[in-house]
């Protein structure tokens, strides 16, 4: 098995999940509690990766990340000529966008299920909205947050379409485990492809099993 590709996949999944936690949890709170008219539109944008073919999203990102795209031009000026296309940084940004609903949706659903009276009680006792969110909402929404973290990590670990479109197949830079399987099939090395596929299948199964077990334990408590 390509252990370099495995290490790269783990690194990509880790940094993507961390980034999703930083931007996705506050975004989930807004989705759960906002009464803005823009909320349905924002929810639709967040959920788009669930229904769009990965190649469609990957194509738009490839155009936007390219030298002629506004994001690619901005990144080039910022880094002195760097490129998001065929780079780990490009995979990172693409993975965050592609896995966003896998964290935001379970977290928002968990937060929406918290009784409003608990937040109102905190407000009456003098807590501000930020303090209430940190000390009341986040602890009570932890089962959903844990599920979102595991789902987004596992989803990023097995990405293929978006990764291939944006990152291509650069060994040690953008070649993830899913790309490694594709390469093995293309070279008719079905033995290597089978070993890698089984490894990824078992790993994903264990991650999801752990998430459901952990969530059940938290709910029981």
N, C-alpha and C. Protein backbone atom coordinates (compact mmCIF):
# COMPACT_ATOMS: atom_id res chain seq x y z
N UNK A 1 0.84 -1.20 0.00
CA UNK A 1 0.00 0.00 0.00
C UNK A 1 0.87 1.25 0.00
N UNK A 2 0.35 2.31 -0.56
CA UNK A 2 1.08 3.57 -0.64
C UNK A 2 0.93 4.32 0.69
N UNK A 3 1.91 4.14 1.57
CA UNK A 3 1.84 4.75 2.90
C UNK A 3 2.05 6.26 2.85
N UNK A 4 2.74 6.73 1.84
CA UNK A 4 2.90 8.19 1.69
C UNK A 4 1.53 8.81 1.37
N UNK A 5 0.76 8.15 0.50
CA UNK A 5 -0.59 8.62 0.19
C UNK A 5 -1.48 8.55 1.41
N UNK A 6 -1.30 7.51 2.22
CA UNK A 6 -2.09 7.38 3.45
C UNK A 6 -1.78 8.52 4.43
N UNK A 7 -0.48 8.82 4.60
CA UNK A 7 -0.08 9.92 5.48
C UNK A 7 -0.64 11.25 4.98
N UNK A 8 -0.61 11.44 3.66
CA UNK A 8 -1.15 12.67 3.08
C UNK A 8 -2.66 12.75 3.31
N UNK A 9 -3.35 11.62 3.17
CA UNK A 9 -4.80 11.60 3.39
C UNK A 9 -5.14 11.95 4.84
N UNK A 10 -4.37 11.39 5.77
CA UNK A 10 -4.59 11.70 7.19
C UNK A 10 -4.34 13.18 7.47
N UNK A 11 -3.28 13.70 6.90
CA UNK A 11 -2.96 15.12 7.10
C UNK A 11 -4.06 16.01 6.54
N UNK A 12 -4.54 15.68 5.34
CA UNK A 12 -5.60 16.47 4.72
C UNK A 12 -6.88 16.38 5.54
N UNK A 13 -7.24 15.19 5.99
CA UNK A 13 -8.45 15.02 6.79
C UNK A 13 -8.35 15.77 8.11
N UNK A 14 -7.16 15.77 8.72
CA UNK A 14 -6.97 16.44 10.02
C UNK A 14 -7.10 17.95 9.89
N UNK A 15 -6.39 18.54 8.94
CA UNK A 15 -6.43 20.01 8.81
C UNK A 15 -7.80 20.47 8.31
N UNK A 16 -8.44 19.66 7.47
CA UNK A 16 -9.78 20.01 6.99
C UNK A 16 -10.77 19.98 8.13
N UNK A 17 -10.72 18.95 8.96
CA UNK A 17 -11.65 18.83 10.08
C UNK A 17 -11.44 19.95 11.09
N UNK A 18 -10.18 20.29 11.37
CA UNK A 18 -9.89 21.39 12.29
C UNK A 18 -10.45 22.70 11.75
N UNK A 19 -10.25 22.95 10.46
CA UNK A 19 -10.76 24.16 9.84
C UNK A 19 -12.28 24.19 9.88
N UNK A 20 -12.90 23.05 9.62
CA UNK A 20 -14.36 22.97 9.65
C UNK A 20 -14.90 23.26 11.05
N UNK A 21 -14.18 22.80 12.07
CA UNK A 21 -14.62 23.09 13.44
C UNK A 21 -14.58 24.59 13.72
N UNK A 22 -13.55 25.25 13.24
CA UNK A 22 -13.39 26.68 13.52
C UNK A 22 -14.44 27.53 12.81
N UNK A 23 -14.81 27.15 11.58
CA UNK A 23 -15.78 27.96 10.85
C UNK A 23 -17.17 27.32 10.83
N UNK A 24 -17.22 26.00 10.93
CA UNK A 24 -18.50 25.31 10.79
C UNK A 24 -19.37 25.35 12.03
N UNK A 25 -18.77 25.30 13.23
CA UNK A 25 -19.57 25.31 14.45
C UNK A 25 -20.27 26.65 14.64
N UNK A 26 -19.57 27.80 14.52
CA UNK A 26 -20.30 29.08 14.57
C UNK A 26 -21.34 29.21 13.47
N UNK A 27 -21.03 28.71 12.28
CA UNK A 27 -21.98 28.77 11.17
C UNK A 27 -23.21 27.91 11.49
N UNK A 28 -23.00 26.76 12.11
CA UNK A 28 -24.12 25.91 12.50
C UNK A 28 -25.00 26.60 13.54
N UNK A 29 -24.37 27.35 14.44
CA UNK A 29 -25.15 28.10 15.42
C UNK A 29 -26.03 29.15 14.76
N UNK A 30 -25.48 29.81 13.74
CA UNK A 30 -26.28 30.80 13.02
C UNK A 30 -27.44 30.14 12.29
N UNK A 31 -27.17 29.01 11.66
CA UNK A 31 -28.21 28.28 10.95
C UNK A 31 -29.30 27.81 11.91
N UNK A 32 -28.90 27.38 13.10
CA UNK A 32 -29.86 26.83 14.06
C UNK A 32 -30.77 27.90 14.66
N UNK A 33 -30.25 29.11 14.84
CA UNK A 33 -31.01 30.10 15.62
C UNK A 33 -31.38 31.36 14.85
N UNK A 34 -30.83 31.56 13.67
CA UNK A 34 -31.11 32.79 12.93
C UNK A 34 -32.53 32.79 12.36
N UNK A 35 -33.13 33.95 12.33
CA UNK A 35 -34.45 34.14 11.72
C UNK A 35 -34.33 34.98 10.44
N UNK A 36 -33.11 35.11 9.94
CA UNK A 36 -32.88 35.91 8.75
C UNK A 36 -33.55 35.28 7.53
N UNK A 37 -33.97 36.14 6.61
CA UNK A 37 -34.55 35.66 5.36
C UNK A 37 -33.51 34.98 4.47
N UNK A 38 -32.25 35.23 4.75
CA UNK A 38 -31.17 34.61 3.97
C UNK A 38 -30.87 33.19 4.42
N UNK A 39 -31.46 32.77 5.51
CA UNK A 39 -31.14 31.46 6.06
C UNK A 39 -31.42 30.31 5.08
N UNK A 40 -32.59 30.26 4.44
CA UNK A 40 -32.82 29.15 3.49
C UNK A 40 -31.80 29.12 2.35
N UNK A 41 -31.42 30.31 1.85
CA UNK A 41 -30.44 30.36 0.77
C UNK A 41 -29.08 29.86 1.24
N UNK A 42 -28.69 30.26 2.46
CA UNK A 42 -27.40 29.82 2.99
C UNK A 42 -27.41 28.32 3.25
N UNK A 43 -28.51 27.80 3.75
CA UNK A 43 -28.60 26.36 3.98
C UNK A 43 -28.49 25.60 2.67
N UNK A 44 -29.08 26.14 1.62
CA UNK A 44 -29.00 25.50 0.30
C UNK A 44 -27.57 25.49 -0.21
N UNK A 45 -26.85 26.60 -0.01
CA UNK A 45 -25.46 26.68 -0.45
C UNK A 45 -24.61 25.67 0.32
N UNK A 46 -24.83 25.57 1.62
CA UNK A 46 -24.07 24.63 2.44
C UNK A 46 -24.32 23.19 2.00
N UNK A 47 -25.57 22.90 1.64
CA UNK A 47 -25.95 21.52 1.28
C UNK A 47 -25.62 21.15 -0.16
N UNK A 48 -25.23 22.11 -0.98
CA UNK A 48 -24.96 21.82 -2.39
C UNK A 48 -23.99 20.65 -2.63
N UNK A 49 -22.89 20.54 -1.86
CA UNK A 49 -21.97 19.41 -2.10
C UNK A 49 -22.62 18.05 -1.93
N UNK A 50 -23.77 17.98 -1.24
CA UNK A 50 -24.44 16.70 -1.04
C UNK A 50 -25.13 16.22 -2.31
N UNK A 51 -25.51 17.15 -3.18
CA UNK A 51 -26.28 16.79 -4.37
C UNK A 51 -25.51 17.02 -5.68
N UNK A 52 -24.53 17.91 -5.64
CA UNK A 52 -23.74 18.17 -6.85
C UNK A 52 -22.76 17.02 -7.10
N UNK A 53 -22.61 16.58 -8.34
CA UNK A 53 -21.54 15.62 -8.65
C UNK A 53 -20.18 16.22 -8.29
N UNK A 54 -19.29 15.44 -7.70
CA UNK A 54 -17.98 15.97 -7.32
C UNK A 54 -17.23 16.61 -8.48
N UNK A 55 -17.43 16.10 -9.69
CA UNK A 55 -16.73 16.67 -10.84
C UNK A 55 -17.23 18.07 -11.16
N UNK A 56 -18.52 18.34 -10.90
CA UNK A 56 -19.07 19.67 -11.15
C UNK A 56 -18.45 20.67 -10.17
N UNK A 57 -18.48 20.33 -8.90
CA UNK A 57 -17.87 21.20 -7.89
C UNK A 57 -16.38 21.34 -8.15
N UNK A 58 -15.74 20.22 -8.49
CA UNK A 58 -14.30 20.25 -8.77
C UNK A 58 -13.96 21.13 -9.95
N UNK A 59 -14.82 21.12 -10.98
CA UNK A 59 -14.56 21.97 -12.15
C UNK A 59 -14.64 23.44 -11.79
N UNK A 60 -15.68 23.84 -11.04
CA UNK A 60 -15.82 25.24 -10.64
C UNK A 60 -14.65 25.68 -9.78
N UNK A 61 -14.21 24.80 -8.87
CA UNK A 61 -13.07 25.13 -8.02
C UNK A 61 -11.79 25.21 -8.85
N UNK A 62 -11.64 24.32 -9.83
CA UNK A 62 -10.46 24.35 -10.68
C UNK A 62 -10.37 25.66 -11.45
N UNK A 63 -11.51 26.14 -11.96
CA UNK A 63 -11.54 27.41 -12.68
C UNK A 63 -11.23 28.57 -11.73
N UNK A 64 -11.85 28.54 -10.54
CA UNK A 64 -11.63 29.62 -9.58
C UNK A 64 -10.23 29.65 -9.01
N UNK A 65 -9.62 28.45 -8.86
CA UNK A 65 -8.27 28.36 -8.30
C UNK A 65 -7.18 28.61 -9.34
N UNK A 66 -7.52 28.54 -10.62
CA UNK A 66 -6.53 28.69 -11.68
C UNK A 66 -5.96 30.09 -11.77
N UNK A 67 -4.98 30.25 -12.63
CA UNK A 67 -4.31 31.54 -12.78
C UNK A 67 -5.27 32.64 -13.25
N UNK A 68 -6.30 32.23 -14.00
CA UNK A 68 -7.25 33.22 -14.50
C UNK A 68 -8.40 33.47 -13.53
N UNK A 69 -8.53 32.62 -12.51
CA UNK A 69 -9.61 32.78 -11.54
C UNK A 69 -9.27 33.83 -10.50
N UNK A 70 -10.32 34.46 -9.95
CA UNK A 70 -10.06 35.55 -8.99
C UNK A 70 -9.39 35.03 -7.73
N UNK A 71 -9.79 33.86 -7.27
CA UNK A 71 -9.18 33.31 -6.06
C UNK A 71 -7.73 32.88 -6.33
N UNK A 72 -7.50 32.32 -7.52
CA UNK A 72 -6.14 31.93 -7.88
C UNK A 72 -5.23 33.13 -8.02
N UNK A 73 -5.75 34.21 -8.60
CA UNK A 73 -4.95 35.44 -8.73
C UNK A 73 -4.64 36.04 -7.36
N UNK A 74 -5.65 36.05 -6.49
CA UNK A 74 -5.45 36.60 -5.13
C UNK A 74 -4.41 35.79 -4.38
N UNK A 75 -4.50 34.47 -4.48
CA UNK A 75 -3.55 33.60 -3.78
C UNK A 75 -2.14 33.78 -4.36
N UNK A 76 -2.05 33.95 -5.67
CA UNK A 76 -0.76 34.16 -6.30
C UNK A 76 -0.09 35.43 -5.83
N UNK A 77 -0.88 36.52 -5.72
CA UNK A 77 -0.32 37.78 -5.21
C UNK A 77 0.08 37.65 -3.75
N UNK A 78 -0.72 36.91 -2.98
CA UNK A 78 -0.48 36.77 -1.55
C UNK A 78 0.80 35.96 -1.28
N UNK A 79 1.04 34.95 -2.11
CA UNK A 79 2.17 34.04 -1.87
C UNK A 79 3.35 34.29 -2.80
N UNK A 80 3.27 35.32 -3.61
CA UNK A 80 4.37 35.62 -4.52
C UNK A 80 4.50 34.64 -5.67
N UNK A 81 3.36 34.25 -6.22
CA UNK A 81 3.38 33.36 -7.38
C UNK A 81 2.93 31.94 -7.12
N UNK A 82 2.48 31.65 -5.90
CA UNK A 82 2.01 30.31 -5.58
C UNK A 82 0.71 29.98 -6.29
N UNK A 83 0.39 28.70 -6.36
CA UNK A 83 -0.81 28.25 -7.05
C UNK A 83 -1.62 27.32 -6.16
N UNK A 84 -2.94 27.46 -6.21
CA UNK A 84 -3.81 26.56 -5.47
C UNK A 84 -4.06 25.26 -6.23
N UNK A 85 -3.93 25.32 -7.56
CA UNK A 85 -4.15 24.14 -8.38
C UNK A 85 -2.94 23.19 -8.24
N UNK A 86 -3.22 21.90 -8.11
CA UNK A 86 -2.19 20.87 -7.97
C UNK A 86 -1.29 21.13 -6.77
N UNK A 87 -1.89 21.61 -5.67
CA UNK A 87 -1.14 21.85 -4.45
C UNK A 87 -1.95 21.36 -3.25
N UNK A 88 -1.27 21.12 -2.15
CA UNK A 88 -1.95 20.67 -0.94
C UNK A 88 -2.90 21.74 -0.42
N UNK A 89 -2.47 23.00 -0.55
CA UNK A 89 -3.33 24.10 -0.09
C UNK A 89 -4.65 24.12 -0.87
N UNK A 90 -4.58 23.85 -2.17
CA UNK A 90 -5.80 23.79 -2.97
C UNK A 90 -6.70 22.65 -2.53
N UNK A 91 -6.10 21.49 -2.24
CA UNK A 91 -6.88 20.36 -1.73
C UNK A 91 -7.54 20.71 -0.41
N UNK A 92 -6.84 21.44 0.41
CA UNK A 92 -7.35 21.83 1.73
C UNK A 92 -8.60 22.70 1.57
N UNK A 93 -8.51 23.75 0.77
CA UNK A 93 -9.65 24.64 0.57
C UNK A 93 -10.83 23.89 -0.07
N UNK A 94 -10.53 23.07 -1.07
CA UNK A 94 -11.58 22.31 -1.74
C UNK A 94 -12.25 21.33 -0.79
N UNK A 95 -11.46 20.69 0.06
CA UNK A 95 -12.00 19.72 1.00
C UNK A 95 -12.88 20.39 2.05
N UNK A 96 -12.49 21.57 2.48
CA UNK A 96 -13.32 22.31 3.44
C UNK A 96 -14.69 22.62 2.84
N UNK A 97 -14.71 23.08 1.60
CA UNK A 97 -15.97 23.40 0.94
C UNK A 97 -16.80 22.15 0.70
N UNK A 98 -16.14 21.07 0.29
CA UNK A 98 -16.85 19.85 -0.06
C UNK A 98 -17.39 19.12 1.17
N UNK A 99 -16.70 19.21 2.30
CA UNK A 99 -17.13 18.49 3.50
C UNK A 99 -17.92 19.37 4.47
N UNK A 100 -18.14 20.62 4.12
CA UNK A 100 -18.82 21.55 5.03
C UNK A 100 -20.18 21.03 5.53
N UNK A 101 -21.07 20.50 4.67
CA UNK A 101 -22.36 20.06 5.18
C UNK A 101 -22.27 18.88 6.14
N UNK A 102 -21.21 18.10 6.05
CA UNK A 102 -21.08 16.93 6.91
C UNK A 102 -20.79 17.33 8.36
N UNK A 103 -20.35 18.56 8.58
CA UNK A 103 -20.19 19.05 9.94
C UNK A 103 -21.33 19.98 10.33
N UNK A 104 -21.68 20.89 9.45
CA UNK A 104 -22.67 21.91 9.79
C UNK A 104 -24.05 21.30 10.06
N UNK A 105 -24.50 20.37 9.24
CA UNK A 105 -25.86 19.85 9.38
C UNK A 105 -26.09 19.10 10.68
N UNK A 106 -25.25 18.13 11.08
CA UNK A 106 -25.49 17.47 12.37
C UNK A 106 -25.34 18.40 13.56
N UNK A 107 -24.40 19.34 13.48
CA UNK A 107 -24.21 20.28 14.59
C UNK A 107 -25.41 21.22 14.70
N UNK A 108 -25.89 21.75 13.57
CA UNK A 108 -27.05 22.64 13.58
C UNK A 108 -28.29 21.91 14.10
N UNK A 109 -28.48 20.65 13.69
CA UNK A 109 -29.63 19.88 14.17
C UNK A 109 -29.54 19.65 15.67
N UNK A 110 -28.34 19.39 16.17
CA UNK A 110 -28.17 19.18 17.61
C UNK A 110 -28.44 20.46 18.39
N UNK A 111 -27.96 21.58 17.85
CA UNK A 111 -28.19 22.87 18.53
C UNK A 111 -29.66 23.26 18.50
N UNK A 112 -30.33 22.99 17.38
CA UNK A 112 -31.74 23.34 17.26
C UNK A 112 -32.60 22.54 18.23
N UNK A 113 -32.12 21.37 18.66
CA UNK A 113 -32.87 20.54 19.58
C UNK A 113 -32.73 20.94 21.04
N UNK A 114 -31.86 21.90 21.32
CA UNK A 114 -31.70 22.37 22.70
C UNK A 114 -32.87 23.29 23.05
N UNK A 115 -33.59 23.03 24.15
CA UNK A 115 -34.74 23.88 24.52
C UNK A 115 -34.34 25.34 24.64
N UNK A 116 -35.15 26.20 24.08
CA UNK A 116 -34.87 27.63 24.11
C UNK A 116 -34.84 28.17 25.54
N UNK A 117 -35.62 27.55 26.43
CA UNK A 117 -35.71 28.06 27.80
C UNK A 117 -34.37 28.03 28.51
N UNK A 118 -33.49 27.10 28.10
CA UNK A 118 -32.17 27.04 28.72
C UNK A 118 -31.34 28.26 28.35
N UNK A 119 -31.42 28.66 27.10
CA UNK A 119 -30.69 29.86 26.67
C UNK A 119 -31.31 31.11 27.30
N UNK A 120 -32.63 31.13 27.38
CA UNK A 120 -33.30 32.28 27.99
C UNK A 120 -32.96 32.40 29.46
N UNK A 121 -32.83 31.27 30.15
CA UNK A 121 -32.45 31.30 31.56
C UNK A 121 -31.06 31.89 31.73
N UNK A 122 -30.14 31.53 30.83
CA UNK A 122 -28.79 32.08 30.90
C UNK A 122 -28.81 33.59 30.64
N UNK A 123 -29.66 34.04 29.72
CA UNK A 123 -29.76 35.47 29.44
C UNK A 123 -30.31 36.22 30.66
N UNK A 124 -31.29 35.63 31.32
CA UNK A 124 -31.89 36.26 32.50
C UNK A 124 -30.85 36.40 33.61
N UNK A 125 -29.96 35.41 33.71
CA UNK A 125 -28.93 35.44 34.74
C UNK A 125 -27.76 36.35 34.39
N UNK A 126 -27.84 37.01 33.23
CA UNK A 126 -26.84 38.00 32.87
C UNK A 126 -25.80 37.56 31.86
N UNK A 127 -25.91 36.36 31.36
CA UNK A 127 -24.95 35.89 30.38
C UNK A 127 -25.25 36.48 29.01
N UNK A 128 -24.21 36.89 28.29
CA UNK A 128 -24.40 37.39 26.93
C UNK A 128 -24.60 36.24 25.96
N UNK A 129 -24.88 36.58 24.71
CA UNK A 129 -25.14 35.55 23.72
C UNK A 129 -23.91 34.69 23.45
N UNK A 130 -22.75 35.32 23.41
CA UNK A 130 -21.53 34.54 23.16
C UNK A 130 -21.24 33.61 24.33
N UNK A 131 -21.36 34.13 25.54
CA UNK A 131 -21.13 33.30 26.72
C UNK A 131 -22.13 32.16 26.80
N UNK A 132 -23.38 32.44 26.47
CA UNK A 132 -24.41 31.39 26.46
C UNK A 132 -24.09 30.33 25.43
N UNK A 133 -23.61 30.77 24.28
CA UNK A 133 -23.27 29.82 23.23
C UNK A 133 -22.12 28.91 23.67
N UNK A 134 -21.11 29.49 24.31
CA UNK A 134 -19.93 28.73 24.70
C UNK A 134 -20.22 27.83 25.91
N UNK A 135 -20.96 28.33 26.90
CA UNK A 135 -21.11 27.61 28.16
C UNK A 135 -22.37 26.75 28.22
N UNK A 136 -23.35 27.04 27.39
CA UNK A 136 -24.60 26.28 27.42
C UNK A 136 -24.80 25.46 26.15
N UNK A 137 -24.75 26.15 25.00
CA UNK A 137 -25.08 25.48 23.74
C UNK A 137 -24.03 24.44 23.35
N UNK A 138 -22.76 24.81 23.37
CA UNK A 138 -21.72 23.88 22.92
C UNK A 138 -21.67 22.59 23.74
N UNK A 139 -21.70 22.66 25.08
CA UNK A 139 -21.69 21.39 25.83
C UNK A 139 -22.90 20.52 25.55
N UNK A 140 -24.09 21.12 25.42
CA UNK A 140 -25.30 20.34 25.17
C UNK A 140 -25.35 19.79 23.75
N UNK A 141 -24.68 20.47 22.82
CA UNK A 141 -24.67 20.04 21.43
C UNK A 141 -23.49 19.12 21.12
N UNK A 142 -22.74 18.71 22.13
CA UNK A 142 -21.54 17.93 21.90
C UNK A 142 -21.77 16.63 21.13
N UNK A 143 -22.87 15.89 21.36
CA UNK A 143 -23.08 14.67 20.55
C UNK A 143 -23.11 14.97 19.04
N UNK A 144 -23.79 16.04 18.66
CA UNK A 144 -23.82 16.42 17.25
C UNK A 144 -22.48 16.90 16.75
N UNK A 145 -21.75 17.61 17.60
CA UNK A 145 -20.42 18.08 17.22
C UNK A 145 -19.48 16.90 17.00
N UNK A 146 -19.53 15.91 17.91
CA UNK A 146 -18.68 14.73 17.77
C UNK A 146 -19.01 13.97 16.49
N UNK A 147 -20.30 13.84 16.19
CA UNK A 147 -20.69 13.16 14.95
C UNK A 147 -20.20 13.92 13.73
N UNK A 148 -20.34 15.25 13.76
CA UNK A 148 -19.89 16.06 12.64
C UNK A 148 -18.40 15.96 12.41
N UNK A 149 -17.63 15.92 13.50
CA UNK A 149 -16.18 15.81 13.38
C UNK A 149 -15.78 14.50 12.72
N UNK A 150 -16.38 13.41 13.18
CA UNK A 150 -16.03 12.09 12.62
C UNK A 150 -16.49 11.97 11.18
N UNK A 151 -17.71 12.45 10.90
CA UNK A 151 -18.23 12.36 9.53
C UNK A 151 -17.38 13.16 8.55
N UNK A 152 -17.02 14.38 8.94
CA UNK A 152 -16.22 15.22 8.04
C UNK A 152 -14.82 14.63 7.87
N UNK A 153 -14.25 14.06 8.93
CA UNK A 153 -12.93 13.44 8.82
C UNK A 153 -12.98 12.24 7.89
N UNK A 154 -13.97 11.35 8.09
CA UNK A 154 -14.09 10.16 7.27
C UNK A 154 -14.40 10.51 5.81
N UNK A 155 -15.22 11.54 5.62
CA UNK A 155 -15.58 11.94 4.26
C UNK A 155 -14.36 12.50 3.53
N UNK A 156 -13.58 13.31 4.21
CA UNK A 156 -12.37 13.87 3.60
C UNK A 156 -11.36 12.77 3.29
N UNK A 157 -11.28 11.79 4.16
CA UNK A 157 -10.33 10.69 3.99
C UNK A 157 -10.59 9.92 2.69
N UNK A 158 -11.87 9.83 2.29
CA UNK A 158 -12.20 9.06 1.11
C UNK A 158 -12.55 9.87 -0.12
N UNK A 159 -12.27 11.17 -0.12
CA UNK A 159 -12.59 12.01 -1.28
C UNK A 159 -11.86 11.54 -2.53
N UNK A 160 -12.54 11.70 -3.66
CA UNK A 160 -11.89 11.32 -4.93
C UNK A 160 -12.11 12.37 -6.02
N UNK A 161 -13.37 12.63 -6.39
CA UNK A 161 -13.66 13.49 -7.53
C UNK A 161 -13.10 14.89 -7.41
N UNK A 162 -13.39 15.56 -6.29
CA UNK A 162 -12.91 16.93 -6.09
C UNK A 162 -11.39 16.95 -5.98
N UNK A 163 -10.85 15.95 -5.27
CA UNK A 163 -9.40 15.87 -5.10
C UNK A 163 -8.70 15.71 -6.45
N UNK A 164 -9.24 14.83 -7.29
CA UNK A 164 -8.63 14.60 -8.60
C UNK A 164 -8.72 15.83 -9.49
N UNK A 165 -9.85 16.53 -9.46
CA UNK A 165 -10.03 17.70 -10.31
C UNK A 165 -9.12 18.85 -9.90
N UNK A 166 -9.00 19.08 -8.62
CA UNK A 166 -8.25 20.24 -8.11
C UNK A 166 -6.77 19.92 -7.94
N UNK A 167 -6.47 18.72 -7.43
CA UNK A 167 -5.09 18.41 -7.09
C UNK A 167 -4.36 17.55 -8.09
N UNK A 168 -5.11 16.84 -8.94
CA UNK A 168 -4.43 15.96 -9.88
C UNK A 168 -3.82 14.76 -9.16
N UNK A 169 -2.65 14.36 -9.61
CA UNK A 169 -1.99 13.16 -9.08
C UNK A 169 -0.50 13.42 -8.94
N UNK A 170 -0.15 14.23 -7.94
CA UNK A 170 1.26 14.56 -7.71
C UNK A 170 1.74 13.77 -6.49
N UNK A 171 2.65 12.81 -6.67
CA UNK A 171 3.11 11.99 -5.55
C UNK A 171 3.66 12.82 -4.40
N UNK A 172 3.19 12.53 -3.20
CA UNK A 172 3.66 13.23 -2.01
C UNK A 172 3.08 14.60 -1.82
N UNK A 173 2.29 15.08 -2.78
CA UNK A 173 1.71 16.42 -2.69
C UNK A 173 0.18 16.38 -2.73
N UNK A 174 -0.37 15.68 -3.72
CA UNK A 174 -1.82 15.62 -3.85
C UNK A 174 -2.35 14.20 -4.04
N UNK A 175 -1.47 13.21 -4.09
CA UNK A 175 -1.93 11.83 -4.29
C UNK A 175 -2.42 11.25 -2.96
N UNK A 176 -3.72 11.19 -2.79
CA UNK A 176 -4.33 10.62 -1.59
C UNK A 176 -4.58 9.12 -1.80
N UNK A 177 -5.15 8.47 -0.79
CA UNK A 177 -5.41 7.04 -0.90
C UNK A 177 -6.40 6.73 -2.02
N UNK A 178 -7.43 7.56 -2.15
CA UNK A 178 -8.41 7.31 -3.21
C UNK A 178 -7.78 7.44 -4.59
N UNK A 179 -6.87 8.40 -4.76
CA UNK A 179 -6.17 8.55 -6.03
C UNK A 179 -5.22 7.37 -6.24
N UNK A 180 -4.64 6.86 -5.15
CA UNK A 180 -3.76 5.72 -5.24
C UNK A 180 -4.50 4.49 -5.76
N UNK A 181 -5.75 4.31 -5.31
CA UNK A 181 -6.56 3.20 -5.80
C UNK A 181 -6.83 3.36 -7.30
N UNK A 182 -7.15 4.57 -7.69
CA UNK A 182 -7.40 4.86 -9.11
C UNK A 182 -6.16 4.56 -9.96
N UNK A 183 -5.00 4.96 -9.47
CA UNK A 183 -3.76 4.70 -10.19
C UNK A 183 -3.51 3.20 -10.33
N UNK A 184 -3.77 2.46 -9.25
CA UNK A 184 -3.55 1.01 -9.28
C UNK A 184 -4.46 0.34 -10.29
N UNK A 185 -5.71 0.77 -10.36
CA UNK A 185 -6.65 0.20 -11.33
C UNK A 185 -6.22 0.56 -12.75
N UNK A 186 -5.78 1.80 -12.95
CA UNK A 186 -5.34 2.23 -14.27
C UNK A 186 -4.14 1.42 -14.76
N UNK A 187 -3.28 1.02 -13.83
CA UNK A 187 -2.11 0.23 -14.20
C UNK A 187 -2.38 -1.27 -14.13
N UNK A 188 -3.66 -1.64 -13.93
CA UNK A 188 -4.11 -3.05 -13.88
C UNK A 188 -3.52 -3.82 -12.70
N UNK A 189 -3.12 -3.09 -11.65
CA UNK A 189 -2.62 -3.73 -10.43
C UNK A 189 -3.80 -3.89 -9.47
N UNK A 190 -4.66 -4.86 -9.76
CA UNK A 190 -5.88 -5.03 -8.99
C UNK A 190 -5.60 -5.53 -7.56
N UNK A 191 -4.49 -6.20 -7.38
CA UNK A 191 -4.13 -6.65 -6.05
C UNK A 191 -3.88 -5.49 -5.11
N UNK A 192 -3.07 -4.52 -5.57
CA UNK A 192 -2.80 -3.33 -4.77
C UNK A 192 -4.07 -2.51 -4.57
N UNK A 193 -4.88 -2.39 -5.62
CA UNK A 193 -6.13 -1.64 -5.51
C UNK A 193 -7.05 -2.27 -4.48
N UNK A 194 -7.13 -3.60 -4.49
CA UNK A 194 -7.99 -4.31 -3.55
C UNK A 194 -7.51 -4.11 -2.11
N UNK A 195 -6.20 -4.23 -1.88
CA UNK A 195 -5.67 -4.06 -0.53
C UNK A 195 -5.95 -2.65 0.00
N UNK A 196 -5.71 -1.64 -0.85
CA UNK A 196 -5.95 -0.26 -0.43
C UNK A 196 -7.43 0.01 -0.20
N UNK A 197 -8.27 -0.53 -1.08
CA UNK A 197 -9.71 -0.33 -0.95
C UNK A 197 -10.25 -0.98 0.32
N UNK A 198 -9.80 -2.19 0.61
CA UNK A 198 -10.23 -2.88 1.84
C UNK A 198 -9.76 -2.12 3.07
N UNK A 199 -8.52 -1.64 3.03
CA UNK A 199 -7.99 -0.87 4.15
C UNK A 199 -8.82 0.38 4.40
N UNK A 200 -9.15 1.10 3.34
CA UNK A 200 -9.94 2.32 3.46
C UNK A 200 -11.36 2.00 3.93
N UNK A 201 -11.92 0.89 3.45
CA UNK A 201 -13.26 0.46 3.86
C UNK A 201 -13.29 0.16 5.36
N UNK A 202 -12.33 -0.61 5.83
CA UNK A 202 -12.29 -0.98 7.25
C UNK A 202 -12.07 0.25 8.12
N UNK A 203 -11.17 1.13 7.70
CA UNK A 203 -10.89 2.33 8.47
C UNK A 203 -12.13 3.21 8.57
N UNK A 204 -12.84 3.39 7.46
CA UNK A 204 -14.06 4.20 7.47
C UNK A 204 -15.13 3.57 8.35
N UNK A 205 -15.26 2.25 8.28
CA UNK A 205 -16.23 1.53 9.11
C UNK A 205 -15.93 1.72 10.59
N UNK A 206 -14.66 1.61 10.96
CA UNK A 206 -14.28 1.77 12.36
C UNK A 206 -14.52 3.20 12.84
N UNK A 207 -14.23 4.17 12.00
CA UNK A 207 -14.47 5.56 12.38
C UNK A 207 -15.95 5.83 12.62
N UNK A 208 -16.80 5.35 11.71
CA UNK A 208 -18.24 5.56 11.87
C UNK A 208 -18.79 4.80 13.06
N UNK A 209 -18.31 3.58 13.29
CA UNK A 209 -18.74 2.80 14.45
C UNK A 209 -18.37 3.51 15.74
N UNK A 210 -17.17 4.06 15.79
CA UNK A 210 -16.73 4.80 16.97
C UNK A 210 -17.58 6.04 17.18
N UNK A 211 -17.95 6.70 16.08
CA UNK A 211 -18.78 7.91 16.20
C UNK A 211 -20.15 7.58 16.78
N UNK A 212 -20.77 6.52 16.28
CA UNK A 212 -22.09 6.15 16.77
C UNK A 212 -22.03 5.67 18.22
N UNK A 213 -20.98 4.92 18.56
CA UNK A 213 -20.82 4.48 19.95
C UNK A 213 -20.61 5.66 20.88
N UNK A 214 -19.75 6.57 20.45
CA UNK A 214 -19.45 7.75 21.27
C UNK A 214 -20.69 8.61 21.44
N UNK A 215 -21.45 8.80 20.36
CA UNK A 215 -22.66 9.60 20.43
C UNK A 215 -23.68 8.97 21.37
N UNK A 216 -23.80 7.65 21.32
CA UNK A 216 -24.76 6.95 22.19
C UNK A 216 -24.37 7.13 23.65
N UNK A 217 -23.08 7.03 23.94
CA UNK A 217 -22.60 7.21 25.32
C UNK A 217 -22.88 8.62 25.83
N UNK A 218 -22.69 9.60 24.97
CA UNK A 218 -22.94 10.98 25.37
C UNK A 218 -24.42 11.23 25.62
N UNK A 219 -25.27 10.65 24.76
CA UNK A 219 -26.71 10.83 24.92
C UNK A 219 -27.21 10.16 26.19
N UNK A 220 -26.63 9.01 26.53
CA UNK A 220 -27.05 8.30 27.75
C UNK A 220 -26.71 9.11 28.98
N UNK A 221 -25.56 9.75 28.94
CA UNK A 221 -25.14 10.59 30.07
C UNK A 221 -26.00 11.85 30.18
